[in-house]
């Protein structure tokens, strides 16, 4: 099990490992190597393919031989190149957790709606109705 992803994002560790393999790799192999649930490995592969422009990779889809489950396909991944600019992007990334928030954002008091005045009730009601 490889736990080297404490200093860099998991997707980058996975991409580096897949590139070292120099062969087609499935999500099951990634899950076993990194000690992840299969669903997280599949999501990591999807993220690498869809969101990370600095990683050049190829995919291949092969059907599984599962009876009675319809068309089940397995996506294989091969990483050809990881651009060096990804290091600079990671160094310049802003961690949302490190951004200080105002005191009013950090302290949330649990006041029951019955104790609020009319204006505060409207603000509370509107804050609950905003889609996130």
N, C-alpha and C. Protein backbone atom coordinates (compact mmCIF):
# COMPACT_ATOMS: atom_id res chain seq x y z
N UNK A 1 0.84 -1.17 0.00
CA UNK A 1 0.00 0.00 0.00
C UNK A 1 0.89 1.23 0.00
N UNK A 2 0.59 2.17 -0.86
CA UNK A 2 1.42 3.37 -0.99
C UNK A 2 0.71 4.55 -0.35
N UNK A 3 1.34 5.17 0.62
CA UNK A 3 0.76 6.33 1.30
C UNK A 3 1.66 7.55 1.14
N UNK A 4 2.13 7.80 -0.08
CA UNK A 4 3.01 8.93 -0.35
C UNK A 4 2.23 10.20 -0.67
N UNK A 5 0.91 10.14 -0.63
CA UNK A 5 0.15 11.29 -1.07
C UNK A 5 -0.16 12.27 0.05
N UNK A 6 0.68 12.30 1.10
CA UNK A 6 0.49 13.30 2.14
C UNK A 6 1.08 14.65 1.72
N UNK A 7 2.01 14.66 0.78
CA UNK A 7 2.62 15.91 0.33
C UNK A 7 2.04 16.41 -0.99
N UNK A 8 1.39 15.57 -1.75
CA UNK A 8 0.80 15.99 -3.01
C UNK A 8 -0.57 15.34 -3.14
N UNK A 9 -1.41 15.88 -4.02
CA UNK A 9 -2.76 15.36 -4.15
C UNK A 9 -2.78 13.89 -4.58
N UNK A 10 -3.82 13.21 -4.19
CA UNK A 10 -3.96 11.79 -4.50
C UNK A 10 -3.94 11.56 -6.01
N UNK A 11 -4.65 12.40 -6.77
CA UNK A 11 -4.71 12.18 -8.22
C UNK A 11 -3.33 12.24 -8.85
N UNK A 12 -2.45 13.09 -8.33
CA UNK A 12 -1.10 13.20 -8.88
C UNK A 12 -0.26 11.98 -8.52
N UNK A 13 -0.41 11.49 -7.31
CA UNK A 13 0.29 10.25 -6.92
C UNK A 13 -0.17 9.08 -7.79
N UNK A 14 -1.48 9.01 -8.03
CA UNK A 14 -2.01 7.94 -8.87
C UNK A 14 -1.46 8.07 -10.29
N UNK A 15 -1.46 9.28 -10.83
CA UNK A 15 -0.96 9.49 -12.19
C UNK A 15 0.52 9.12 -12.30
N UNK A 16 1.30 9.49 -11.31
CA UNK A 16 2.73 9.13 -11.33
C UNK A 16 2.92 7.62 -11.26
N UNK A 17 2.13 6.95 -10.43
CA UNK A 17 2.25 5.49 -10.31
C UNK A 17 1.83 4.81 -11.61
N UNK A 18 0.74 5.27 -12.21
CA UNK A 18 0.28 4.68 -13.48
C UNK A 18 1.34 4.90 -14.56
N UNK A 19 1.97 6.06 -14.58
CA UNK A 19 3.00 6.33 -15.58
C UNK A 19 4.21 5.41 -15.38
N UNK A 20 4.55 5.11 -14.14
CA UNK A 20 5.67 4.20 -13.86
C UNK A 20 5.37 2.77 -14.33
N UNK A 21 4.10 2.40 -14.34
CA UNK A 21 3.73 1.04 -14.75
C UNK A 21 3.98 0.80 -16.24
N UNK A 22 3.88 1.85 -17.05
CA UNK A 22 4.09 1.78 -18.51
C UNK A 22 3.20 0.73 -19.16
N UNK A 23 2.00 0.59 -18.64
CA UNK A 23 1.03 -0.35 -19.20
C UNK A 23 -0.37 0.15 -18.85
N UNK A 24 -1.38 -0.55 -19.35
CA UNK A 24 -2.76 -0.20 -19.04
C UNK A 24 -3.07 -0.61 -17.61
N UNK A 25 -3.71 0.29 -16.86
CA UNK A 25 -4.02 0.04 -15.45
C UNK A 25 -5.51 0.28 -15.24
N UNK A 26 -6.14 -0.60 -14.47
CA UNK A 26 -7.56 -0.45 -14.17
C UNK A 26 -7.73 0.16 -12.77
N UNK A 27 -8.94 0.60 -12.48
CA UNK A 27 -9.23 1.21 -11.18
C UNK A 27 -9.05 0.22 -10.05
N UNK A 28 -9.30 -1.05 -10.31
CA UNK A 28 -9.10 -2.08 -9.27
C UNK A 28 -7.64 -2.13 -8.84
N UNK A 29 -6.72 -2.05 -9.78
CA UNK A 29 -5.29 -2.05 -9.45
C UNK A 29 -4.91 -0.81 -8.65
N UNK A 30 -5.49 0.33 -9.02
CA UNK A 30 -5.22 1.57 -8.28
C UNK A 30 -5.75 1.45 -6.86
N UNK A 31 -6.95 0.90 -6.72
CA UNK A 31 -7.54 0.74 -5.39
C UNK A 31 -6.68 -0.16 -4.51
N UNK A 32 -6.17 -1.24 -5.08
CA UNK A 32 -5.32 -2.15 -4.31
C UNK A 32 -3.99 -1.49 -3.94
N UNK A 33 -3.39 -0.77 -4.87
CA UNK A 33 -2.09 -0.15 -4.63
C UNK A 33 -2.16 0.93 -3.56
N UNK A 34 -3.22 1.74 -3.59
CA UNK A 34 -3.31 2.88 -2.69
C UNK A 34 -4.22 2.63 -1.49
N UNK A 35 -4.78 1.44 -1.39
CA UNK A 35 -5.64 1.13 -0.25
C UNK A 35 -6.92 1.95 -0.23
N UNK A 36 -7.51 2.13 -1.41
CA UNK A 36 -8.72 2.95 -1.55
C UNK A 36 -9.92 2.07 -1.82
N UNK A 37 -11.11 2.55 -1.51
CA UNK A 37 -12.31 1.87 -2.00
C UNK A 37 -12.35 1.97 -3.53
N UNK A 38 -12.95 0.99 -4.16
CA UNK A 38 -13.00 0.98 -5.63
C UNK A 38 -13.68 2.23 -6.18
N UNK A 39 -14.73 2.68 -5.51
CA UNK A 39 -15.45 3.87 -6.00
C UNK A 39 -14.55 5.11 -5.99
N UNK A 40 -13.70 5.25 -4.98
CA UNK A 40 -12.79 6.40 -4.94
C UNK A 40 -11.73 6.29 -6.03
N UNK A 41 -11.27 5.08 -6.31
CA UNK A 41 -10.30 4.89 -7.40
C UNK A 41 -10.94 5.24 -8.74
N UNK A 42 -12.18 4.83 -8.96
CA UNK A 42 -12.89 5.15 -10.20
C UNK A 42 -13.06 6.67 -10.32
N UNK A 43 -13.43 7.32 -9.22
CA UNK A 43 -13.60 8.77 -9.24
C UNK A 43 -12.28 9.49 -9.49
N UNK A 44 -11.20 8.96 -8.97
CA UNK A 44 -9.88 9.56 -9.19
C UNK A 44 -9.49 9.46 -10.66
N UNK A 45 -9.74 8.31 -11.27
CA UNK A 45 -9.47 8.14 -12.70
C UNK A 45 -10.31 9.12 -13.51
N UNK A 46 -11.58 9.25 -13.16
CA UNK A 46 -12.45 10.19 -13.87
C UNK A 46 -11.96 11.62 -13.73
N UNK A 47 -11.49 11.98 -12.55
CA UNK A 47 -10.97 13.33 -12.33
C UNK A 47 -9.72 13.57 -13.17
N UNK A 48 -8.83 12.60 -13.21
CA UNK A 48 -7.61 12.75 -14.01
C UNK A 48 -7.97 12.96 -15.48
N UNK A 49 -8.93 12.21 -15.97
CA UNK A 49 -9.30 12.30 -17.38
C UNK A 49 -10.02 13.60 -17.72
N UNK A 50 -10.88 14.06 -16.82
CA UNK A 50 -11.75 15.19 -17.15
C UNK A 50 -11.22 16.54 -16.71
N UNK A 51 -10.50 16.60 -15.61
CA UNK A 51 -10.20 17.89 -15.01
C UNK A 51 -8.75 18.33 -15.07
N UNK A 52 -7.81 17.43 -15.26
CA UNK A 52 -6.39 17.79 -15.15
C UNK A 52 -5.78 17.85 -16.55
N UNK A 53 -5.58 19.07 -17.03
CA UNK A 53 -5.05 19.25 -18.39
C UNK A 53 -3.56 18.95 -18.48
N UNK A 54 -2.85 18.98 -17.37
CA UNK A 54 -1.40 18.78 -17.39
C UNK A 54 -1.00 17.31 -17.48
N UNK A 55 -1.96 16.41 -17.36
CA UNK A 55 -1.67 14.98 -17.44
C UNK A 55 -2.19 14.46 -18.78
N UNK A 56 -1.27 13.93 -19.60
CA UNK A 56 -1.63 13.37 -20.90
C UNK A 56 -1.79 11.87 -20.73
N UNK A 57 -2.98 11.38 -21.06
CA UNK A 57 -3.22 9.95 -20.88
C UNK A 57 -4.15 9.41 -21.96
N UNK A 58 -4.15 8.09 -22.06
CA UNK A 58 -5.02 7.38 -23.00
C UNK A 58 -5.93 6.47 -22.21
N UNK A 59 -7.08 6.21 -22.80
CA UNK A 59 -8.02 5.28 -22.16
C UNK A 59 -8.40 4.19 -23.14
N UNK A 60 -8.77 3.09 -22.58
CA UNK A 60 -9.26 1.97 -23.37
C UNK A 60 -10.41 1.36 -22.58
N UNK A 61 -11.49 1.03 -23.25
CA UNK A 61 -12.64 0.44 -22.59
C UNK A 61 -12.77 -1.01 -23.04
N UNK A 62 -12.82 -1.90 -22.07
CA UNK A 62 -12.96 -3.33 -22.38
C UNK A 62 -14.18 -3.85 -21.63
N UNK A 63 -14.95 -4.74 -22.26
CA UNK A 63 -16.12 -5.28 -21.57
C UNK A 63 -15.72 -6.32 -20.52
N UNK A 64 -16.43 -6.29 -19.42
CA UNK A 64 -16.26 -7.33 -18.40
C UNK A 64 -17.06 -8.55 -18.80
N UNK A 65 -16.67 -9.68 -18.30
CA UNK A 65 -17.38 -10.92 -18.60
C UNK A 65 -18.34 -11.25 -17.45
N UNK A 66 -19.23 -10.33 -17.12
CA UNK A 66 -20.19 -10.55 -16.05
C UNK A 66 -21.52 -10.98 -16.65
N UNK A 67 -22.03 -12.09 -16.19
CA UNK A 67 -23.29 -12.60 -16.71
C UNK A 67 -24.45 -11.98 -15.94
N UNK A 68 -25.49 -11.58 -16.66
CA UNK A 68 -26.71 -11.13 -16.05
C UNK A 68 -26.71 -9.70 -15.54
N UNK A 69 -25.69 -8.93 -15.82
CA UNK A 69 -25.66 -7.56 -15.31
C UNK A 69 -25.71 -6.53 -16.43
N UNK A 70 -26.03 -6.93 -17.61
CA UNK A 70 -26.07 -5.98 -18.71
C UNK A 70 -24.67 -5.67 -19.21
N UNK A 71 -24.54 -4.55 -19.86
CA UNK A 71 -23.25 -4.15 -20.42
C UNK A 71 -22.39 -3.50 -19.34
N UNK A 72 -21.44 -4.22 -18.84
CA UNK A 72 -20.49 -3.69 -17.87
C UNK A 72 -19.15 -3.52 -18.58
N UNK A 73 -18.62 -2.32 -18.52
CA UNK A 73 -17.34 -2.06 -19.16
C UNK A 73 -16.34 -1.57 -18.13
N UNK A 74 -15.09 -1.84 -18.40
CA UNK A 74 -14.01 -1.44 -17.51
C UNK A 74 -13.12 -0.48 -18.27
N UNK A 75 -12.80 0.65 -17.66
CA UNK A 75 -11.96 1.65 -18.30
C UNK A 75 -10.53 1.47 -17.83
N UNK A 76 -9.63 1.35 -18.79
CA UNK A 76 -8.20 1.22 -18.49
C UNK A 76 -7.52 2.55 -18.80
N UNK A 77 -6.49 2.84 -18.05
CA UNK A 77 -5.82 4.13 -18.14
C UNK A 77 -4.32 3.91 -18.33
N UNK A 78 -3.73 4.74 -19.19
CA UNK A 78 -2.28 4.75 -19.35
C UNK A 78 -1.84 6.21 -19.41
N UNK A 79 -0.93 6.60 -18.53
CA UNK A 79 -0.44 7.98 -18.48
C UNK A 79 0.85 8.05 -19.28
N UNK A 80 0.86 8.95 -20.27
CA UNK A 80 2.05 9.12 -21.10
C UNK A 80 2.97 10.23 -20.60
N UNK A 81 2.39 11.31 -20.07
CA UNK A 81 3.22 12.45 -19.70
C UNK A 81 2.51 13.27 -18.62
N UNK A 82 3.30 13.77 -17.67
CA UNK A 82 2.81 14.71 -16.67
C UNK A 82 3.61 15.99 -16.84
N UNK A 83 2.93 17.06 -17.20
CA UNK A 83 3.60 18.33 -17.46
C UNK A 83 4.18 18.91 -16.17
N UNK A 84 5.35 19.52 -16.28
CA UNK A 84 6.01 20.11 -15.10
C UNK A 84 5.26 21.32 -14.56
N UNK A 85 4.40 21.92 -15.36
CA UNK A 85 3.67 23.10 -14.89
C UNK A 85 2.68 22.76 -13.79
N UNK A 86 2.37 21.49 -13.62
CA UNK A 86 1.45 21.10 -12.55
C UNK A 86 2.06 21.39 -11.18
N UNK A 87 3.38 21.29 -11.08
CA UNK A 87 4.05 21.58 -9.80
C UNK A 87 3.86 23.05 -9.43
N UNK A 88 4.03 23.94 -10.40
CA UNK A 88 3.85 25.37 -10.13
C UNK A 88 2.41 25.67 -9.76
N UNK A 89 1.47 25.02 -10.44
CA UNK A 89 0.06 25.25 -10.13
C UNK A 89 -0.26 24.80 -8.71
N UNK A 90 0.31 23.68 -8.30
CA UNK A 90 0.06 23.18 -6.95
C UNK A 90 0.69 24.09 -5.90
N UNK A 91 1.87 24.62 -6.19
CA UNK A 91 2.52 25.52 -5.23
C UNK A 91 1.75 26.83 -5.07
N UNK A 92 1.11 27.28 -6.15
CA UNK A 92 0.37 28.54 -6.11
C UNK A 92 -1.09 28.36 -5.72
N UNK A 93 -1.51 27.13 -5.50
CA UNK A 93 -2.91 26.87 -5.16
C UNK A 93 -3.22 27.44 -3.78
N UNK A 94 -4.40 27.98 -3.67
CA UNK A 94 -4.85 28.54 -2.40
C UNK A 94 -5.70 27.49 -1.72
N UNK A 95 -5.32 27.16 -0.52
CA UNK A 95 -6.10 26.21 0.26
C UNK A 95 -7.25 26.95 0.92
N UNK A 96 -8.46 26.57 0.60
CA UNK A 96 -9.64 27.26 1.10
C UNK A 96 -9.69 27.22 2.63
N UNK A 97 -9.21 26.14 3.22
CA UNK A 97 -9.25 26.02 4.67
C UNK A 97 -8.32 27.02 5.35
N UNK A 98 -7.31 27.51 4.65
CA UNK A 98 -6.36 28.43 5.27
C UNK A 98 -6.79 29.89 5.16
N UNK A 99 -7.86 30.18 4.43
CA UNK A 99 -8.33 31.55 4.29
C UNK A 99 -9.09 31.93 5.56
N UNK A 100 -8.66 32.99 6.25
CA UNK A 100 -9.37 33.37 7.47
C UNK A 100 -10.74 33.92 7.15
N UNK A 101 -11.69 33.56 7.96
CA UNK A 101 -13.05 34.06 7.79
C UNK A 101 -13.31 35.12 8.84
N UNK A 102 -14.32 35.90 8.62
CA UNK A 102 -14.65 36.92 9.60
C UNK A 102 -15.18 36.27 10.87
N UNK A 103 -15.17 37.03 11.93
CA UNK A 103 -15.60 36.50 13.22
C UNK A 103 -17.06 36.07 13.17
N UNK A 104 -17.89 36.82 12.45
CA UNK A 104 -19.30 36.46 12.39
C UNK A 104 -19.52 35.17 11.61
N UNK A 105 -18.65 34.87 10.63
CA UNK A 105 -18.77 33.62 9.89
C UNK A 105 -18.34 32.43 10.73
N UNK A 106 -17.34 32.63 11.59
CA UNK A 106 -16.82 31.52 12.39
C UNK A 106 -17.71 31.20 13.57
N UNK A 107 -18.35 32.21 14.15
CA UNK A 107 -19.19 31.98 15.32
C UNK A 107 -20.64 31.94 14.87
N UNK A 108 -21.22 30.79 14.96
CA UNK A 108 -22.63 30.66 14.64
C UNK A 108 -23.35 30.31 15.93
N UNK A 109 -24.23 31.17 16.31
CA UNK A 109 -24.98 30.93 17.53
C UNK A 109 -26.27 30.23 17.18
N UNK A 110 -26.63 29.29 17.98
CA UNK A 110 -27.85 28.53 17.75
C UNK A 110 -28.99 29.18 18.52
N UNK A 111 -29.57 30.21 17.92
CA UNK A 111 -30.71 30.89 18.52
C UNK A 111 -31.96 30.32 17.88
N UNK A 112 -32.91 29.86 18.66
CA UNK A 112 -34.14 29.34 18.07
C UNK A 112 -34.88 30.45 17.33
N UNK A 113 -35.55 30.11 16.23
CA UNK A 113 -36.24 31.14 15.43
C UNK A 113 -37.26 31.94 16.24
N UNK A 114 -37.83 31.37 17.28
CA UNK A 114 -38.80 32.10 18.10
C UNK A 114 -38.19 33.26 18.87
N UNK A 115 -36.90 33.25 19.10
CA UNK A 115 -36.21 34.30 19.87
C UNK A 115 -35.68 35.43 18.98
N UNK A 116 -35.80 35.28 17.66
CA UNK A 116 -35.28 36.28 16.74
C UNK A 116 -36.31 37.38 16.52
N UNK A 117 -35.82 38.60 16.20
CA UNK A 117 -36.76 39.66 15.84
C UNK A 117 -37.19 39.46 14.39
N UNK A 118 -38.06 40.32 13.91
CA UNK A 118 -38.66 40.13 12.59
C UNK A 118 -37.60 40.13 11.48
N UNK A 119 -36.67 41.08 11.53
CA UNK A 119 -35.64 41.16 10.49
C UNK A 119 -34.73 39.94 10.51
N UNK A 120 -34.36 39.49 11.71
CA UNK A 120 -33.50 38.31 11.83
C UNK A 120 -34.20 37.05 11.34
N UNK A 121 -35.52 36.98 11.59
CA UNK A 121 -36.29 35.82 11.10
C UNK A 121 -36.27 35.77 9.57
N UNK A 122 -36.44 36.95 8.94
CA UNK A 122 -36.41 36.98 7.48
C UNK A 122 -35.03 36.60 6.95
N UNK A 123 -33.99 37.09 7.59
CA UNK A 123 -32.64 36.72 7.16
C UNK A 123 -32.41 35.22 7.33
N UNK A 124 -32.87 34.68 8.44
CA UNK A 124 -32.74 33.24 8.69
C UNK A 124 -33.51 32.45 7.64
N UNK A 125 -34.75 32.88 7.37
CA UNK A 125 -35.58 32.19 6.38
C UNK A 125 -34.95 32.24 5.00
N UNK A 126 -34.45 33.41 4.61
CA UNK A 126 -33.83 33.54 3.29
C UNK A 126 -32.53 32.76 3.20
N UNK A 127 -31.79 32.69 4.29
CA UNK A 127 -30.53 31.92 4.25
C UNK A 127 -30.80 30.43 4.07
N UNK A 128 -31.94 29.96 4.57
CA UNK A 128 -32.28 28.55 4.42
C UNK A 128 -32.83 28.23 3.04
N UNK A 129 -33.30 29.25 2.32
CA UNK A 129 -33.92 29.01 1.02
C UNK A 129 -32.95 29.12 -0.14
N UNK A 130 -31.73 29.59 0.10
CA UNK A 130 -30.75 29.75 -0.97
C UNK A 130 -30.21 28.39 -1.37
N UNK A 131 -30.22 28.12 -2.67
CA UNK A 131 -29.67 26.85 -3.16
C UNK A 131 -28.16 26.88 -3.10
N UNK A 132 -27.60 25.77 -2.74
CA UNK A 132 -26.14 25.68 -2.65
C UNK A 132 -25.60 24.84 -3.77
